[in-house]
Amino acid sequence: VADKKTKAPFDLGMPGMAGAKVANAAQARGLLVRNMGDRIAVCPPLIINEAELADLFGRLRQSLDAAMAELKAEGHFKG
């Protein structure tokens, strides 16, 4: 959300929507996620093991942090 207090969503019409920023950051870290507007989907294989799952979520955390930093720098994040 753009504002944690009010739970206001990001403006879906803004260039480079939040989901796209996360997807781009994830791809830069070798993780493919599906961009769905202001959401993303993670679809790991059914045979993923615990170590691979930990790696996936580590890369996802880094991607979310990078996207949030970019949104803050652009003035889109209020919380």
Protein backbone atom coordinates (compact mmCIF):
# COMPACT_ATOMS: atom_id res chain seq x y z
CA VAL A 1 0.00 0.00 0.00
CA ALA A 2 1.10 3.56 -0.55
CA ASP A 3 0.07 4.65 2.96
CA LYS A 4 0.23 2.11 5.78
CA LYS A 5 -1.99 4.14 8.13
CA THR A 6 -4.92 4.54 5.76
CA LYS A 7 -4.22 1.37 3.71
CA ALA A 8 -4.49 3.49 0.56
CA PRO A 9 -3.34 1.51 -2.49
CA PHE A 10 -0.81 2.74 -5.01
CA ASP A 11 -2.29 4.71 -7.88
CA LEU A 12 -2.68 2.04 -10.56
CA GLY A 13 -2.28 4.67 -13.26
CA MET A 14 1.17 5.74 -12.11
CA PRO A 15 4.00 4.96 -14.49
CA GLY A 16 6.02 1.95 -13.35
CA MET A 17 3.43 0.50 -10.99
CA ALA A 18 4.60 -1.02 -7.73
CA GLY A 19 4.22 -4.59 -8.99
CA ALA A 20 6.37 -3.83 -12.03
CA LYS A 21 9.06 -2.33 -9.82
CA VAL A 22 9.13 -5.46 -7.66
CA ALA A 23 9.16 -7.72 -10.72
CA ASN A 24 12.07 -5.77 -12.24
CA ALA A 25 14.01 -5.84 -8.97
CA ALA A 26 13.36 -9.58 -8.64
CA GLN A 27 14.51 -10.28 -12.19
CA ALA A 28 17.73 -8.36 -11.50
CA ARG A 29 18.28 -10.80 -8.61
CA GLY A 30 17.60 -13.90 -10.70
CA LEU A 31 14.04 -14.43 -9.45
CA LEU A 32 11.09 -14.51 -11.82
CA VAL A 33 7.75 -13.35 -10.44
CA ARG A 34 4.52 -12.51 -12.22
CA ASN A 35 3.55 -8.83 -12.28
CA MET A 36 -0.19 -8.35 -11.71
CA GLY A 37 -0.61 -4.58 -11.50
CA ASP A 38 -0.04 -3.61 -7.87
CA ARG A 39 0.51 -7.26 -6.93
CA ILE A 40 2.99 -10.00 -7.76
CA ALA A 41 2.65 -13.77 -7.85
CA VAL A 42 5.36 -16.22 -6.87
CA CYS A 43 5.02 -19.69 -8.39
CA PRO A 44 7.74 -22.01 -7.10
CA PRO A 45 7.96 -25.55 -8.46
CA LEU A 46 6.25 -28.26 -6.42
CA ILE A 47 9.61 -30.02 -5.94
CA ILE A 48 11.34 -27.00 -4.33
CA ASN A 49 13.38 -27.93 -1.27
CA GLU A 50 13.79 -26.00 1.98
CA ALA A 51 17.13 -24.42 1.05
CA GLU A 52 15.80 -23.30 -2.32
CA LEU A 53 12.70 -21.88 -0.66
CA ALA A 54 14.85 -19.90 1.78
CA ASP A 55 16.85 -18.55 -1.18
CA LEU A 56 13.64 -17.62 -3.03
CA PHE A 57 12.29 -15.66 -0.05
CA GLY A 58 15.66 -14.00 0.53
CA ARG A 59 15.69 -12.74 -3.05
CA LEU A 60 12.05 -11.69 -2.76
CA ARG A 61 12.82 -9.71 0.42
CA GLN A 62 15.70 -7.95 -1.34
CA SER A 63 13.41 -7.18 -4.29
CA LEU A 64 10.68 -5.75 -2.07
CA ASP A 65 13.22 -3.60 -0.22
CA ALA A 66 14.69 -2.31 -3.49
CA ALA A 67 11.25 -1.51 -4.94
CA MET A 68 10.22 0.29 -1.74
CA ALA A 69 13.39 2.37 -1.83
CA GLU A 70 12.66 3.30 -5.44
CA LEU A 71 9.03 4.20 -4.65
CA LYS A 72 10.14 6.33 -1.69
CA ALA A 73 12.73 8.12 -3.81
CA GLU A 74 10.02 8.91 -6.38
CA GLY A 75 7.66 10.21 -3.69
CA HIS A 76 5.01 7.47 -4.08
CA PHE A 77 5.38 5.88 -0.64
CA LYS A 78 3.87 7.79 2.26
CA GLY A 79 4.28 5.25 5.08
